[in-house]
PDB file of N, CA and C in Angstrom:
ATOM      1  N   UNK A   1     168.411 136.459 111.807  1.00  0.00           N
ATOM      2  CA  UNK A   1     168.451 135.147 111.224  1.00  0.00           C
ATOM      3  C   UNK A   1     167.333 135.067 110.195  1.00  0.00           C
ATOM      4  N   UNK A   2     167.653 134.504 109.049  1.00  0.00           N
ATOM      5  CA  UNK A   2     166.665 134.317 107.997  1.00  0.00           C
ATOM      6  C   UNK A   2     166.449 132.820 107.814  1.00  0.00           C
ATOM      7  N   UNK A   3     165.191 132.411 107.803  1.00  0.00           N
ATOM      8  CA  UNK A   3     164.842 131.005 107.630  1.00  0.00           C
ATOM      9  C   UNK A   3     163.898 130.887 106.446  1.00  0.00           C
ATOM     10  N   UNK A   4     164.253 130.053 105.485  1.00  0.00           N
ATOM     11  CA  UNK A   4     163.372 129.766 104.353  1.00  0.00           C
ATOM     12  C   UNK A   4     162.687 128.425 104.596  1.00  0.00           C
ATOM     13  N   UNK A   5     161.391 128.368 104.302  1.00  0.00           N
ATOM     14  CA  UNK A   5     160.662 127.118 104.488  1.00  0.00           C
ATOM     15  C   UNK A   5     159.988 126.685 103.200  1.00  0.00           C
ATOM     16  N   UNK A   6     159.890 125.396 103.039  1.00  0.00           N
ATOM     17  CA  UNK A   6     159.187 124.800 101.908  1.00  0.00           C
ATOM     18  C   UNK A   6     158.610 123.478 102.399  1.00  0.00           C
ATOM     19  N   UNK A   7     157.308 123.350 102.342  1.00  0.00           N
ATOM     20  CA  UNK A   7     156.648 122.127 102.787  1.00  0.00           C
ATOM     21  C   UNK A   7     156.710 121.098 101.661  1.00  0.00           C
ATOM     22  N   UNK A   8     157.281 119.949 101.965  1.00  0.00           N
ATOM     23  CA  UNK A   8     157.386 118.878 100.982  1.00  0.00           C
ATOM     24  C   UNK A   8     156.273 117.860 101.205  1.00  0.00           C
ATOM     25  N   UNK A   9     155.723 117.301 100.115  1.00  0.00           N
ATOM     26  CA  UNK A   9     154.751 116.229 100.283  1.00  0.00           C
ATOM     27  C   UNK A   9     155.435 114.998 100.886  1.00  0.00           C
ATOM     28  N   UNK A  10     154.672 114.171 101.536  1.00  0.00           N
ATOM     29  CA  UNK A  10     155.216 113.000 102.216  1.00  0.00           C
ATOM     30  C   UNK A  10     156.003 112.097 101.261  1.00  0.00           C
ATOM     31  N   UNK A  11     155.582 111.997 100.017  1.00  0.00           N
ATOM     32  CA  UNK A  11     156.217 111.107  99.043  1.00  0.00           C
ATOM     33  C   UNK A  11     157.344 111.788  98.266  1.00  0.00           C
ATOM     34  N   UNK A  12     157.761 112.956  98.674  1.00  0.00           N
ATOM     35  CA  UNK A  12     158.788 113.718  97.958  1.00  0.00           C
ATOM     36  C   UNK A  12     160.135 112.998  97.994  1.00  0.00           C
ATOM     37  N   UNK A  13     160.868 113.112  96.898  1.00  0.00           N
ATOM     38  CA  UNK A  13     162.213 112.527  96.805  1.00  0.00           C
ATOM     39  C   UNK A  13     163.288 113.546  97.195  1.00  0.00           C
ATOM     40  N   UNK A  14     162.904 114.823  97.367  1.00  0.00           N
ATOM     41  CA  UNK A  14     163.861 115.853  97.773  1.00  0.00           C
ATOM     42  C   UNK A  14     164.290 115.621  99.222  1.00  0.00           C
ATOM     43  N   UNK A  15     165.549 115.923  99.523  1.00  0.00           N
ATOM     44  CA  UNK A  15     166.010 115.756 100.902  1.00  0.00           C
ATOM     45  C   UNK A  15     165.373 116.799 101.826  1.00  0.00           C
ATOM     46  N   UNK A  16     165.237 116.436 103.073  1.00  0.00           N
ATOM     47  CA  UNK A  16     164.683 117.328 104.086  1.00  0.00           C
ATOM     48  C   UNK A  16     165.822 118.182 104.638  1.00  0.00           C
ATOM     49  N   UNK A  17     165.842 119.464 104.242  1.00  0.00           N
ATOM     50  CA  UNK A  17     166.921 120.366 104.638  1.00  0.00           C
ATOM     51  C   UNK A  17     166.381 121.557 105.410  1.00  0.00           C
ATOM     52  N   UNK A  18     167.207 122.085 106.292  1.00  0.00           N
ATOM     53  CA  UNK A  18     166.920 123.338 106.976  1.00  0.00           C
ATOM     54  C   UNK A  18     168.009 124.311 106.534  1.00  0.00           C
ATOM     55  N   UNK A  19     167.596 125.421 105.923  1.00  0.00           N
ATOM     56  CA  UNK A  19     168.556 126.432 105.455  1.00  0.00           C
ATOM     57  C   UNK A  19     168.398 127.678 106.314  1.00  0.00           C
ATOM     58  N   UNK A  20     169.505 128.143 106.857  1.00  0.00           N
ATOM     59  CA  UNK A  20     169.512 129.311 107.723  1.00  0.00           C
ATOM     60  C   UNK A  20     170.581 130.284 107.276  1.00  0.00           C
ATOM     61  N   UNK A  21     170.318 131.565 107.491  1.00  0.00           N
ATOM     62  CA  UNK A  21     171.334 132.589 107.268  1.00  0.00           C
ATOM     63  C   UNK A  21     171.324 133.501 108.482  1.00  0.00           C
ATOM     64  N   UNK A  22     172.473 133.591 109.143  1.00  0.00           N
ATOM     65  CA  UNK A  22     172.598 134.399 110.342  1.00  0.00           C
ATOM     66  C   UNK A  22     172.970 135.833 109.979  1.00  0.00           C
ATOM     67  N   UNK A  23     172.820 136.742 110.942  1.00  0.00           N
ATOM     68  CA  UNK A  23     173.092 138.158 110.687  1.00  0.00           C
ATOM     69  C   UNK A  23     174.563 138.434 110.384  1.00  0.00           C
ATOM     70  N   UNK A  24     175.449 137.512 110.747  1.00  0.00           N
ATOM     71  CA  UNK A  24     176.870 137.691 110.420  1.00  0.00           C
ATOM     72  C   UNK A  24     177.197 137.175 109.020  1.00  0.00           C
ATOM     73  N   UNK A  25     176.193 136.675 108.305  1.00  0.00           N
ATOM     74  CA  UNK A  25     176.384 136.193 106.942  1.00  0.00           C
ATOM     75  C   UNK A  25     176.602 134.696 106.829  1.00  0.00           C
ATOM     76  N   UNK A  26     176.818 134.020 107.940  1.00  0.00           N
ATOM     77  CA  UNK A  26     177.029 132.563 107.901  1.00  0.00           C
ATOM     78  C   UNK A  26     175.745 131.871 107.467  1.00  0.00           C
ATOM     79  N   UNK A  27     175.899 130.944 106.532  1.00  0.00           N
ATOM     80  CA  UNK A  27     174.763 130.162 106.058  1.00  0.00           C
ATOM     81  C   UNK A  27     174.951 128.718 106.488  1.00  0.00           C
ATOM     82  N   UNK A  28     173.862 128.107 106.905  1.00  0.00           N
ATOM     83  CA  UNK A  28     173.879 126.697 107.280  1.00  0.00           C
ATOM     84  C   UNK A  28     172.850 125.960 106.442  1.00  0.00           C
ATOM     85  N   UNK A  29     173.259 124.819 105.918  1.00  0.00           N
ATOM     86  CA  UNK A  29     172.349 123.900 105.247  1.00  0.00           C
ATOM     87  C   UNK A  29     172.428 122.597 106.020  1.00  0.00           C
ATOM     88  N   UNK A  30     171.415 122.335 106.827  1.00  0.00           N
ATOM     89  CA  UNK A  30     171.435 121.189 107.726  1.00  0.00           C
ATOM     90  C   UNK A  30     170.502 120.096 107.217  1.00  0.00           C
ATOM     91  N   UNK A  31     170.977 118.867 107.240  1.00  0.00           N
ATOM     92  CA  UNK A  31     170.182 117.712 106.831  1.00  0.00           C
ATOM     93  C   UNK A  31     169.295 117.298 108.002  1.00  0.00           C
ATOM     94  N   UNK A  32     168.014 117.653 107.914  1.00  0.00           N
ATOM     95  CA  UNK A  32     167.087 117.396 109.022  1.00  0.00           C
ATOM     96  C   UNK A  32     166.836 115.905 109.234  1.00  0.00           C
ATOM     97  N   UNK A  33     166.891 115.116 108.173  1.00  0.00           N
ATOM     98  CA  UNK A  33     166.679 113.672 108.316  1.00  0.00           C
ATOM     99  C   UNK A  33     167.825 113.036 109.088  1.00  0.00           C
ATOM    100  N   UNK A  34     169.041 113.463 108.801  1.00  0.00           N
ATOM    101  CA  UNK A  34     170.221 112.896 109.445  1.00  0.00           C
ATOM    102  C   UNK A  34     170.368 113.384 110.884  1.00  0.00           C
ATOM    103  N   UNK A  35     170.202 114.696 111.100  1.00  0.00           N
ATOM    104  CA  UNK A  35     170.428 115.283 112.421  1.00  0.00           C
ATOM    105  C   UNK A  35     169.239 115.141 113.365  1.00  0.00           C
ATOM    106  N   UNK A  36     168.044 115.156 112.828  1.00  0.00           N
ATOM    107  CA  UNK A  36     166.854 115.169 113.672  1.00  0.00           C
ATOM    108  C   UNK A  36     166.651 116.560 114.255  1.00  0.00           C
ATOM    109  N   UNK A  37     165.534 116.779 114.904  1.00  0.00           N
ATOM    110  CA  UNK A  37     165.214 118.108 115.428  1.00  0.00           C
ATOM    111  C   UNK A  37     166.207 118.530 116.512  1.00  0.00           C
ATOM    112  N   UNK A  38     166.632 117.599 117.328  1.00  0.00           N
ATOM    113  CA  UNK A  38     167.581 117.907 118.402  1.00  0.00           C
ATOM    114  C   UNK A  38     168.938 118.329 117.832  1.00  0.00           C
ATOM    115  N   UNK A  39     169.410 117.625 116.804  1.00  0.00           N
ATOM    116  CA  UNK A  39     170.687 117.953 116.185  1.00  0.00           C
ATOM    117  C   UNK A  39     170.661 119.309 115.495  1.00  0.00           C
ATOM    118  N   UNK A  40     169.557 119.610 114.804  1.00  0.00           N
ATOM    119  CA  UNK A  40     169.403 120.913 114.151  1.00  0.00           C
ATOM    120  C   UNK A  40     169.423 122.011 115.210  1.00  0.00           C
ATOM    121  N   UNK A  41     168.674 121.797 116.279  1.00  0.00           N
ATOM    122  CA  UNK A  41     168.625 122.765 117.371  1.00  0.00           C
ATOM    123  C   UNK A  41     170.012 122.988 117.983  1.00  0.00           C
ATOM    124  N   UNK A  42     170.763 121.923 118.183  1.00  0.00           N
ATOM    125  CA  UNK A  42     172.114 122.032 118.755  1.00  0.00           C
ATOM    126  C   UNK A  42     173.038 122.848 117.855  1.00  0.00           C
ATOM    127  N   UNK A  43     172.987 122.604 116.543  1.00  0.00           N
ATOM    128  CA  UNK A  43     173.845 123.328 115.601  1.00  0.00           C
ATOM    129  C   UNK A  43     173.507 124.824 115.589  1.00  0.00           C
ATOM    130  N   UNK A  44     172.218 125.136 115.564  1.00  0.00           N
ATOM    131  CA  UNK A  44     171.788 126.538 115.540  1.00  0.00           C
ATOM    132  C   UNK A  44     172.158 127.219 116.857  1.00  0.00           C
ATOM    133  N   UNK A  45     171.927 126.550 117.962  1.00  0.00           N
ATOM    134  CA  UNK A  45     172.271 127.110 119.276  1.00  0.00           C
ATOM    135  C   UNK A  45     173.768 127.376 119.405  1.00  0.00           C
ATOM    136  N   UNK A  46     174.573 126.476 118.875  1.00  0.00           N
ATOM    137  CA  UNK A  46     176.030 126.633 118.964  1.00  0.00           C
ATOM    138  C   UNK A  46     176.465 127.932 118.288  1.00  0.00           C
ATOM    139  N   UNK A  47     175.987 128.163 117.078  1.00  0.00           N
ATOM    140  CA  UNK A  47     176.393 129.382 116.376  1.00  0.00           C
ATOM    141  C   UNK A  47     175.770 130.625 117.032  1.00  0.00           C
ATOM    142  N   UNK A  48     174.556 130.513 117.509  1.00  0.00           N
ATOM    143  CA  UNK A  48     173.904 131.644 118.183  1.00  0.00           C
ATOM    144  C   UNK A  48     174.674 132.057 119.433  1.00  0.00           C
ATOM    145  N   UNK A  49     175.176 131.081 120.174  1.00  0.00           N
ATOM    146  CA  UNK A  49     175.966 131.387 121.370  1.00  0.00           C
ATOM    147  C   UNK A  49     177.283 132.075 120.995  1.00  0.00           C
ATOM    148  N   UNK A  50     177.893 131.641 119.887  1.00  0.00           N
ATOM    149  CA  UNK A  50     179.129 132.284 119.422  1.00  0.00           C
ATOM    150  C   UNK A  50     178.860 133.749 119.087  1.00  0.00           C
ATOM    151  N   UNK A  51     177.764 134.013 118.372  1.00  0.00           N
ATOM    152  CA  UNK A  51     177.414 135.390 118.022  1.00  0.00           C
ATOM    153  C   UNK A  51     177.130 136.224 119.267  1.00  0.00           C
ATOM    154  N   UNK A  52     176.405 135.651 120.215  1.00  0.00           N
ATOM    155  CA  UNK A  52     176.093 136.377 121.448  1.00  0.00           C
ATOM    156  C   UNK A  52     177.369 136.708 122.212  1.00  0.00           C
ATOM    157  N   UNK A  53     178.297 135.777 122.251  1.00  0.00           N
ATOM    158  CA  UNK A  53     179.568 136.003 122.954  1.00  0.00           C
ATOM    159  C   UNK A  53     180.380 137.111 122.270  1.00  0.00           C
ATOM    160  N   UNK A  54     180.406 137.091 120.926  1.00  0.00           N
ATOM    161  CA  UNK A  54     181.125 138.129 120.193  1.00  0.00           C
ATOM    162  C   UNK A  54     180.519 139.505 120.463  1.00  0.00           C
ATOM    163  N   UNK A  55     179.190 139.589 120.491  1.00  0.00           N
ATOM    164  CA  UNK A  55     178.527 140.859 120.787  1.00  0.00           C
ATOM    165  C   UNK A  55     178.841 141.315 122.202  1.00  0.00           C
ATOM    166  N   UNK A  56     178.869 140.364 123.127  1.00  0.00           N
ATOM    167  CA  UNK A  56     179.176 140.685 124.511  1.00  0.00           C
ATOM    168  C   UNK A  56     180.594 141.245 124.643  1.00  0.00           C
ATOM    169  N   UNK A  57     181.531 140.659 123.928  1.00  0.00           N
ATOM    170  CA  UNK A  57     182.926 141.098 124.006  1.00  0.00           C
ATOM    171  C   UNK A  57     183.153 142.452 123.338  1.00  0.00           C
ATOM    172  N   UNK A  58     182.400 142.740 122.283  1.00  0.00           N
ATOM    173  CA  UNK A  58     182.572 144.021 121.588  1.00  0.00           C
ATOM    174  C   UNK A  58     181.722 145.125 122.202  1.00  0.00           C
ATOM    175  N   UNK A  59     180.818 144.763 123.100  1.00  0.00           N
ATOM    176  CA  UNK A  59     180.008 145.762 123.792  1.00  0.00           C
ATOM    177  C   UNK A  59     178.803 146.245 123.016  1.00  0.00           C
ATOM    178  N   UNK A  60     178.367 145.497 122.016  1.00  0.00           N
ATOM    179  CA  UNK A  60     177.182 145.889 121.234  1.00  0.00           C
ATOM    180  C   UNK A  60     175.922 145.393 121.870  1.00  0.00           C
TER     181      UNK A  60
END
């Protein structure tokens, strides 16, 4: 998983986003203001579990 970070000043007009790229190539751009930390965590966990299940089924 690749995570890019950029610290925004408190008065920034840019949206608060979390950008992720998983090893399968899937990219996620999550709105951290809308989802909150729990929502971001849930979205990332959901895809991580899918990847883990696929690896388990293929025997890797």
